[in-house]
Protein backbone atom coordinates (compact mmCIF):
# COMPACT_ATOMS: atom_id res chain seq x y z
CA MET A 1 190.51 29.52 150.05
CA PRO A 2 193.39 31.45 148.37
CA GLY A 3 196.93 30.20 148.91
CA ILE A 4 199.73 32.78 148.99
CA VAL A 5 203.32 31.65 148.42
CA VAL A 6 206.35 33.80 149.30
CA VAL A 7 209.79 32.67 148.09
CA GLY A 8 213.32 34.01 147.71
CA THR A 9 214.09 35.04 144.13
CA GLN A 10 217.89 35.46 144.21
CA TRP A 11 220.69 33.51 145.93
CA GLY A 12 219.08 33.65 149.36
CA ASP A 13 219.52 36.30 152.07
CA GLU A 14 216.82 38.41 150.39
CA GLY A 15 215.27 39.40 153.72
CA LYS A 16 212.51 36.78 153.67
CA GLY A 17 212.50 36.91 157.48
CA ARG A 18 211.13 40.46 157.33
CA ILE A 19 208.26 39.47 155.06
CA THR A 20 207.63 36.22 156.92
CA ASP A 21 207.48 38.04 160.23
CA LEU A 22 205.04 40.58 158.83
CA LEU A 23 202.71 37.93 157.42
CA ALA A 24 203.06 35.73 160.51
CA SER A 25 201.27 38.41 162.51
CA GLN A 26 198.11 37.43 160.60
CA ALA A 27 198.68 33.66 160.60
CA ASP A 28 197.36 30.84 162.77
CA MET A 29 200.22 28.52 161.79
CA VAL A 30 203.71 29.04 160.32
CA VAL A 31 205.44 26.09 158.65
CA ARG A 32 209.11 25.74 157.71
CA TYR A 33 209.18 23.33 154.78
CA GLN A 34 212.82 22.82 153.63
CA GLY A 35 216.50 23.47 154.37
CA GLY A 36 218.41 23.22 157.61
CA ASP A 37 220.41 25.42 159.94
CA ASN A 38 222.57 26.44 156.97
CA ALA A 39 220.24 29.42 156.56
CA GLY A 40 218.80 31.96 158.91
CA HIS A 41 216.21 34.68 159.34
CA THR A 42 217.02 37.82 161.31
CA VAL A 43 214.01 39.63 162.79
CA VAL A 44 214.27 42.85 164.79
CA LEU A 45 211.56 43.32 167.42
CA ASP A 46 211.64 46.43 169.65
CA GLY A 47 215.36 46.77 169.01
CA VAL A 48 216.08 43.13 169.93
CA LYS A 49 217.55 40.87 167.22
CA PHE A 50 216.26 37.32 166.89
CA LYS A 51 218.36 35.05 164.69
CA LEU A 52 216.32 31.99 163.73
CA HIS A 53 217.79 29.05 161.82
CA LEU A 54 215.30 26.19 162.23
CA ILE A 55 212.32 27.48 164.19
CA PRO A 56 209.76 29.43 162.11
CA SER A 57 209.73 33.16 162.82
CA GLY A 58 206.08 32.89 163.83
CA ILE A 59 207.36 31.70 167.21
CA LEU A 60 207.61 35.39 168.17
CA TYR A 61 203.79 35.52 168.18
CA PRO A 62 202.32 33.74 171.26
CA ASN A 63 199.16 32.46 169.57
CA VAL A 64 200.76 31.08 166.39
CA MET A 65 201.42 27.35 165.96
CA CYS A 66 204.90 26.77 164.50
CA VAL A 67 205.81 23.66 162.53
CA ILE A 68 209.13 22.26 161.32
CA ALA A 69 207.94 20.03 158.48
CA ASN A 70 209.27 16.83 156.88
CA GLY A 71 211.34 18.62 154.23
CA VAL A 72 213.69 20.12 156.83
CA VAL A 73 216.87 18.41 158.06
CA ILE A 74 217.38 19.04 161.76
CA ASN A 75 220.52 19.27 163.86
CA PRO A 76 219.08 18.67 167.37
CA GLU A 77 221.95 20.48 169.07
CA VAL A 78 221.27 23.65 167.06
CA LEU A 79 217.52 23.34 167.58
CA ILE A 80 217.89 23.02 171.36
CA GLU A 81 220.26 25.98 171.47
CA GLU A 82 217.70 28.02 169.55
CA LEU A 83 214.89 26.93 171.91
CA THR A 84 216.99 27.92 174.91
CA ASN A 85 217.90 31.32 173.47
CA LEU A 86 214.26 32.10 172.72
CA GLU A 87 213.09 31.07 176.16
CA ASN A 88 215.88 33.12 177.79
CA LYS A 89 214.50 36.17 175.94
CA GLY A 90 210.99 35.48 177.23
CA VAL A 91 209.62 33.80 174.10
CA SER A 92 207.46 30.72 174.72
CA THR A 93 208.14 27.65 172.55
CA LYS A 94 205.13 25.61 173.68
CA ASN A 95 203.48 25.97 170.26
CA LEU A 96 206.31 24.30 168.35
CA ARG A 97 205.73 21.00 166.52
CA ILE A 98 208.33 18.89 164.66
CA SER A 99 207.58 16.41 161.87
CA CYS A 100 208.23 12.78 162.75
CA ASN A 101 209.49 12.36 159.16
CA ALA A 102 212.10 15.11 159.24
CA HIS A 103 215.65 13.76 158.90
CA LEU A 104 218.39 14.36 161.46
CA VAL A 105 221.75 15.95 160.79
CA MET A 106 224.28 13.62 162.44
CA PRO A 107 227.89 14.33 163.53
CA TYR A 108 229.28 12.33 160.59
CA HIS A 109 227.37 14.55 158.17
CA ILE A 110 229.23 17.58 159.49
CA VAL A 111 232.61 15.82 159.38
CA LEU A 112 232.04 14.67 155.80
CA ASP A 113 230.79 18.11 154.73
CA LYS A 114 233.92 19.84 156.01
CA ALA A 115 236.29 17.16 154.72
CA GLY A 116 234.67 17.10 151.29
CA GLU A 117 234.92 20.88 150.91
CA TYR A 118 238.54 20.87 152.02
CA ARG A 119 239.42 18.21 149.44
CA LEU A 120 237.77 20.20 146.63
CA GLY A 121 240.16 23.09 147.26
CA LYS A 122 239.61 25.94 144.80
CA SER A 123 236.64 24.06 143.32
CA LYS A 124 234.76 24.05 146.63
CA ILE A 125 231.04 24.79 146.58
CA GLY A 126 231.17 27.11 149.57
CA THR A 127 228.91 25.20 151.94
CA THR A 128 228.30 26.33 155.52
CA HIS A 129 229.92 23.11 156.85
CA LYS A 130 226.65 22.33 158.65
CA GLY A 131 226.27 18.83 157.18
CA ILE A 132 223.15 19.71 155.20
CA GLY A 133 224.19 18.20 151.84
CA PRO A 134 225.34 14.86 153.32
CA ALA A 135 222.12 14.67 155.36
CA TYR A 136 219.97 15.12 152.24
CA ALA A 137 222.21 12.64 150.40
CA ASP A 138 221.51 10.00 153.05
CA LYS A 139 217.80 10.79 152.82
CA ALA A 140 217.86 10.14 149.07
CA ALA A 141 219.94 6.99 149.60
CA ARG A 142 217.35 5.74 152.14
CA SER A 143 219.95 5.50 154.88
CA GLY A 144 218.93 8.55 156.90
CA ILE A 145 217.82 8.71 160.51
CA ARG A 146 214.57 10.55 161.25
CA THR A 147 213.22 12.38 164.29
CA GLN A 148 210.74 9.57 164.94
CA ASP A 149 213.70 7.24 165.53
CA LEU A 150 214.48 9.30 168.64
CA LEU A 151 211.18 8.07 170.09
CA ASP A 152 212.44 4.46 170.00
CA LEU A 153 216.07 4.44 171.11
CA LYS A 154 216.46 0.74 170.33
CA ILE A 155 215.69 1.42 166.66
CA PHE A 156 217.83 4.54 166.75
CA ARG A 157 220.84 2.64 168.08
CA THR A 158 220.44 -0.18 165.54
CA LYS A 159 220.35 2.29 162.65
CA LEU A 160 223.25 4.28 164.05
CA GLU A 161 225.44 1.20 164.50
CA GLU A 162 224.85 0.09 160.93
CA ILE A 163 225.43 3.42 159.20
CA LEU A 164 228.36 4.42 161.41
CA LYS A 165 230.34 1.40 160.22
CA PHE A 166 230.22 2.75 156.67
CA LYS A 167 230.67 6.42 157.59
CA ASN A 168 233.70 5.68 159.78
CA ALA A 169 235.26 3.66 156.97
CA VAL A 170 234.97 6.69 154.68
CA ILE A 171 236.18 9.08 157.38
CA GLU A 172 239.25 6.93 158.14
CA LYS A 173 240.25 5.51 154.77
CA VAL A 174 239.27 8.32 152.40
CA TYR A 175 239.83 11.42 154.51
CA GLU A 176 242.35 9.94 157.00
CA LEU A 177 240.52 11.35 160.01
CA GLU A 178 239.71 9.89 163.42
CA PRO A 179 236.59 7.68 163.51
CA LEU A 180 233.52 8.79 165.47
CA ASP A 181 232.55 7.02 168.70
CA LEU A 182 229.20 5.22 168.70
CA GLU A 183 228.59 5.60 172.44
CA VAL A 184 229.34 9.31 172.45
CA ILE A 185 226.87 9.95 169.61
CA PHE A 186 224.19 7.67 171.07
CA ASN A 187 224.33 9.28 174.52
CA LYS A 188 224.18 12.79 173.04
CA TYR A 189 221.14 12.00 170.92
CA LYS A 190 219.49 10.18 173.81
CA ASP A 191 219.70 13.45 175.75
CA TYR A 192 218.38 15.37 172.75
CA ALA A 193 215.40 13.01 172.59
CA ASP A 194 214.49 13.83 176.19
CA ILE A 195 214.27 17.52 175.27
CA ILE A 196 212.63 17.58 171.82
CA GLY A 197 210.63 14.33 171.94
CA LYS A 198 207.52 16.15 173.22
CA TYR A 199 207.39 18.26 170.04
CA ILE A 200 207.48 15.37 167.52
CA VAL A 201 204.18 14.59 165.71
CA ASP A 202 202.92 13.79 162.20
CA THR A 203 202.79 17.38 161.00
CA SER A 204 201.23 16.64 157.60
CA PHE A 205 197.94 15.77 159.33
CA LEU A 206 198.28 18.80 161.60
CA ILE A 207 198.85 21.18 158.68
CA ASN A 208 196.04 19.80 156.52
CA LYS A 209 193.64 19.80 159.47
CA SER A 210 194.36 23.49 159.99
CA LEU A 211 193.72 24.18 156.31
CA ASP A 212 190.49 22.17 156.43
CA GLU A 213 189.41 24.30 159.39
CA ASN A 214 189.95 27.42 157.25
CA LYS A 215 192.87 28.64 159.35
CA ARG A 216 195.65 30.79 157.99
CA VAL A 217 198.78 28.76 157.36
CA LEU A 218 202.03 30.45 156.37
CA PHE A 219 204.80 28.37 154.83
CA GLU A 220 208.39 29.63 155.00
CA GLY A 221 211.46 28.25 153.28
CA ALA A 222 215.16 29.02 153.24
CA GLN A 223 217.69 30.16 150.62
CA GLY A 224 216.48 31.39 147.21
CA THR A 225 215.45 30.26 143.73
CA LEU A 226 218.99 30.36 142.28
CA LEU A 227 220.06 27.91 145.03
CA ASP A 228 217.38 25.33 144.17
CA ILE A 229 218.84 21.83 143.68
CA ASP A 230 217.15 21.48 140.27
CA HIS A 231 216.71 25.03 139.01
CA GLY A 232 219.60 26.93 140.58
CA THR A 233 223.18 27.59 139.46
CA TYR A 234 224.22 23.96 139.95
CA PRO A 235 226.45 22.69 141.55
CA TYR A 236 226.68 25.91 143.59
CA VAL A 237 223.28 25.30 145.15
CA THR A 238 221.72 23.93 148.29
CA SER A 239 220.43 20.34 148.55
CA SER A 240 216.67 20.91 148.67
CA SER A 241 213.92 22.47 146.58
CA THR A 242 213.71 26.17 147.44
CA ILE A 243 211.06 27.18 144.90
CA SER A 244 207.31 27.53 145.40
CA GLY A 245 206.71 24.00 144.14
CA GLY A 246 208.88 22.65 146.96
CA VAL A 247 206.14 23.53 149.43
CA CYS A 248 204.01 20.56 148.39
CA VAL A 249 206.72 17.94 148.96
CA GLY A 250 208.33 19.61 151.96
CA ALA A 251 205.13 20.02 153.96
CA GLY A 252 202.69 17.48 152.55
CA VAL A 253 200.32 20.07 151.08
CA GLY A 254 198.53 19.60 147.76
CA PRO A 255 199.13 22.12 144.91
CA GLY A 256 195.43 22.94 144.86
CA ARG A 257 195.97 24.99 148.01
CA LEU A 258 198.17 27.51 146.20
CA ASP A 259 196.75 30.56 144.44
CA GLU A 260 199.13 33.55 144.62
CA VAL A 261 202.95 33.77 144.71
CA ILE A 262 205.01 36.64 146.18
CA GLY A 263 208.75 36.70 145.53
CA VAL A 264 211.18 38.43 147.88
CA ALA A 265 214.04 40.31 146.21
CA LYS A 266 216.74 42.53 147.68
CA ALA A 267 217.04 46.00 146.08
CA TYR A 268 220.52 44.91 145.01
CA THR A 269 222.00 41.40 144.72
CA THR A 270 224.11 39.31 147.10
CA ARG A 271 225.28 35.75 147.43
CA VAL A 272 227.40 33.73 149.87
CA GLY A 273 229.86 31.08 148.80
CA SER A 274 231.17 30.13 145.38
CA GLY A 275 229.42 30.20 142.03
CA PRO A 276 228.53 32.60 139.22
CA PHE A 277 227.44 36.14 140.05
CA PRO A 278 227.32 38.33 136.90
CA THR A 279 226.61 41.66 138.65
CA GLU A 280 229.12 41.22 141.47
CA GLU A 281 231.04 44.41 142.31
CA VAL A 282 234.53 43.66 143.62
CA SER A 283 234.98 47.37 144.14
CA LYS A 284 234.18 50.32 146.38
CA ILE A 285 230.48 50.03 145.52
CA GLY A 286 230.51 46.37 146.58
CA ASP A 287 232.15 47.35 149.86
CA TYR A 288 229.63 50.18 150.30
CA LEU A 289 226.65 47.84 149.89
CA ARG A 290 228.18 45.25 152.21
CA GLU A 291 228.89 47.69 155.03
CA LYS A 292 225.75 49.79 154.78
CA GLY A 293 223.52 46.75 154.34
CA PHE A 294 225.49 44.76 156.94
CA GLU A 295 225.82 41.93 154.46
CA TYR A 296 227.25 39.19 156.64
CA GLY A 297 225.75 35.72 156.86
CA THR A 298 223.24 35.09 159.66
CA THR A 299 224.53 31.52 160.03
CA THR A 300 228.28 31.82 159.41
CA GLY A 301 229.07 35.52 159.65
CA ARG A 302 230.81 35.30 156.26
CA PRO A 303 230.87 38.54 154.24
CA ARG A 304 228.41 38.37 151.36
CA ARG A 305 229.40 39.12 147.80
CA CYS A 306 227.49 42.23 146.66
CA GLY A 307 226.44 43.72 143.35
CA TRP A 308 223.76 45.55 141.41
CA PHE A 309 220.15 44.40 140.94
CA ASP A 310 219.92 41.69 138.26
CA SER A 311 216.63 41.68 136.33
CA VAL A 312 217.70 38.61 134.31
CA ILE A 313 217.62 36.30 137.31
CA LEU A 314 214.41 37.96 138.55
CA ARG A 315 212.67 37.21 135.26
CA TYR A 316 213.85 33.61 135.59
CA SER A 317 212.53 33.43 139.17
CA ALA A 318 209.24 34.92 138.03
CA MET A 319 208.88 32.10 135.51
CA ILE A 320 209.98 29.23 137.80
CA ASN A 321 207.82 30.36 140.74
CA SER A 322 204.86 31.89 138.85
CA LEU A 323 205.33 35.18 140.69
CA ASP A 324 202.31 37.42 141.01
CA SER A 325 204.15 40.20 142.85
CA ILE A 326 207.52 41.09 144.38
CA ALA A 327 208.48 42.31 147.84
CA ILE A 328 211.59 44.53 147.60
CA THR A 329 213.80 44.62 150.71
CA LYS A 330 216.64 46.87 151.88
CA LEU A 331 215.74 49.69 149.51
CA ASP A 332 217.05 52.15 152.13
CA VAL A 333 220.60 50.81 151.62
CA LEU A 334 220.71 52.46 148.19
CA SER A 335 220.01 55.92 149.64
CA GLY A 336 222.97 58.26 149.21
CA LEU A 337 224.22 56.92 145.89
CA ASP A 338 224.46 59.41 143.02
CA SER A 339 223.57 56.76 140.45
CA ILE A 340 222.23 53.21 140.57
CA LYS A 341 222.65 50.46 138.00
CA ILE A 342 220.22 47.72 136.97
CA CYS A 343 221.37 44.74 134.92
CA VAL A 344 219.03 44.38 131.94
CA GLY A 345 220.87 41.59 130.08
CA TYR A 346 224.13 39.67 129.67
CA LYS A 347 226.73 39.86 126.92
CA TYR A 348 228.77 36.78 126.00
CA LYS A 349 231.11 37.13 123.02
CA ASP A 350 228.88 38.47 120.24
CA HIS A 351 225.61 37.26 121.78
CA VAL A 352 223.24 39.11 124.13
CA PHE A 353 221.07 37.18 126.60
CA TYR A 354 217.93 38.67 128.13
CA ASP A 355 217.03 35.35 129.73
CA LEU A 356 219.23 33.19 131.94
CA PRO A 357 221.76 31.41 129.68
CA PRO A 358 221.30 27.63 129.39
CA HIS A 359 224.96 26.76 129.92
CA GLN A 360 226.84 27.18 133.20
CA SER A 361 230.06 28.24 131.45
CA ILE A 362 228.26 31.16 129.80
CA ILE A 363 226.87 32.39 133.13
CA HIS A 364 230.38 32.31 134.60
CA LYS A 365 231.89 34.33 131.73
CA CYS A 366 229.15 36.73 130.65
CA GLU A 367 229.27 40.50 131.26
CA PRO A 368 226.28 42.44 132.59
CA ILE A 369 224.58 45.05 130.43
CA TYR A 370 223.56 47.96 132.65
CA GLN A 371 221.01 50.73 132.60
CA GLU A 372 221.96 53.62 134.89
CA LEU A 373 219.35 55.50 136.91
CA LYS A 374 219.64 58.64 139.00
CA GLY A 375 220.02 57.96 142.73
CA TRP A 376 218.52 59.76 145.72
CA ASN A 377 220.09 61.34 148.80
CA ARG A 378 217.02 61.51 151.03
CA ASP A 379 216.60 59.16 154.02
CA ILE A 380 213.55 57.00 153.22
CA SER A 381 213.52 54.83 156.35
CA SER A 382 210.65 56.72 158.03
CA LEU A 383 208.36 56.94 155.00
CA LYS A 384 205.05 55.08 155.12
CA SER A 385 203.65 55.15 151.58
CA PHE A 386 204.93 54.74 148.03
CA LYS A 387 203.82 58.24 147.01
CA ASP A 388 206.00 59.72 149.75
CA LEU A 389 209.18 58.18 148.31
CA PRO A 390 211.49 60.48 146.29
CA GLU A 391 210.73 60.57 142.56
CA GLU A 392 214.05 58.82 141.81
CA THR A 393 213.16 56.01 144.23
CA GLN A 394 209.76 55.55 142.62
CA ASN A 395 211.44 55.49 139.19
CA TYR A 396 213.76 52.72 140.38
CA ILE A 397 210.87 50.57 141.60
CA ASN A 398 208.85 51.27 138.45
CA ARG A 399 211.80 50.23 136.27
CA ILE A 400 212.13 46.94 138.15
CA GLU A 401 208.44 46.28 137.52
CA GLU A 402 208.88 47.01 133.80
CA LEU A 403 211.93 44.75 133.43
CA VAL A 404 210.62 41.80 135.45
CA LYS A 405 207.03 42.28 134.22
CA VAL A 406 205.76 41.65 137.75
CA PRO A 407 204.32 44.36 140.06
CA VAL A 408 205.99 45.29 143.35
CA SER A 409 203.60 44.79 146.26
CA MET A 410 205.75 45.51 149.33
CA ILE A 411 208.87 47.60 149.99
CA SER A 412 211.12 47.33 153.05
CA VAL A 413 212.87 50.58 154.03
CA GLY A 414 214.38 49.45 157.33
CA ALA A 415 214.89 46.55 159.73
CA GLU A 416 211.93 47.13 162.07
CA ARG A 417 208.49 45.57 161.58
CA SER A 418 206.96 49.00 161.01
CA GLN A 419 209.36 49.87 158.15
CA ILE A 420 207.49 48.10 155.36
CA ILE A 421 205.46 49.98 152.77
CA ILE A 422 202.49 48.07 151.34
CA LYS A 423 202.32 49.36 147.76
CA ASP A 424 199.46 47.07 146.68
CA GLU A 425 196.28 48.13 148.50
CA ALA A 426 194.39 45.05 147.30
CA LEU A 427 197.13 42.86 148.78
CA LYS A 428 196.84 44.75 152.07
CA GLN A 429 193.15 43.88 152.25
CA ARG A 430 193.73 40.22 151.41
CA LEU A 431 196.57 39.67 153.86
CA PHE A 432 195.86 41.94 156.77
CA GLU A 433 192.12 41.90 157.29
CA ARG A 434 191.51 39.05 159.70
CA HIS A 435 187.98 38.34 158.47
CA MET A 436 189.45 37.20 155.11
CA ARG A 437 190.96 33.77 155.74
CA SER A 438 193.78 32.55 153.52
CA THR A 439 196.68 30.15 153.21
CA LEU A 440 200.05 31.91 153.16
CA ILE A 441 203.19 30.15 151.91
CA VAL A 442 206.68 31.63 152.34
């Protein structure tokens, strides 16, 4: 059984939700394997926008089982709000399952996240203030609270009492803020347990059983490769493993299930928050990309930093994730530009880098080396095949393939489900013919 992995290849916000939604239409199960509500997928269905932060985008398909796996950290308040919003729009959530081993984001995590960022001042990381980093820190320190603890409120209260003593001491003495009230937190989470308790199961058995039964399982993550805790532009990263290898730990799936890897890349580059960004355009072109591409965070609404396509980081992502092909999103945003630039390398002092530099200081100070290509003025949003694209558009895609040394398999030319061109006919047969069963990982 082939396993297909789809991951973000830049600093997140690549449009993975588009590709996930497309592949979910052919899946029996969709699994979210890492991250928290600090990231989001936006899917447009019949003109209606669905902004999903924790629940897999497969929830929009009535016959697909959706799983929030053990690698995710869950804020119950956000999850319940998302469930309510979906149900109010007529989307059933009966097929949702939540891992009993997933850790909870607690109110003190959010307080400490905000306070820590404030204290860093100009050196701040640029977190979403959602408490994700502190929640993962507690998980690593073996002092976290898991969803299964909500099923035994006596255990939950005992753990909460113990950890709140320490957290309140930090909140009061280090940050000089008001302590949190045990009873208020306990009563809130008791109510949360009444709502989400029915969804909590051991999802690792559920996922592997589905794979054993030869069902299609699609795994979706959050953020992108350059935000990976180990392999990203540290410390300006997230707190979990965003790469293809993170699937195994975050969902309890063995590496033997994986066979093919698809990376999602925006036709230009964006990032949210602080950290290095060699091709950033603090200029009219950056403003143009932001406004035309509506580059504002799904979770926070913050304006994204925008710049030209960076083949250096794509080559790095190709290596780290073992990419077999790339899905290019938001290509339509580049329509109307007279010329388009692609970063082919970095210059630092008298040295040229064609691979990602090994030292953080170099990445911060290097200058991009650009190749300029002719743009196109034609609207491409209604086109259905690669051969129908303008010659200049085809040249742009072909040049990306040459620089990254990975073929492009899919191209998004608009926000709707129907606005995706499948360039790789063999991939179309593998993914979209229901008689060919496979494991899909996003």
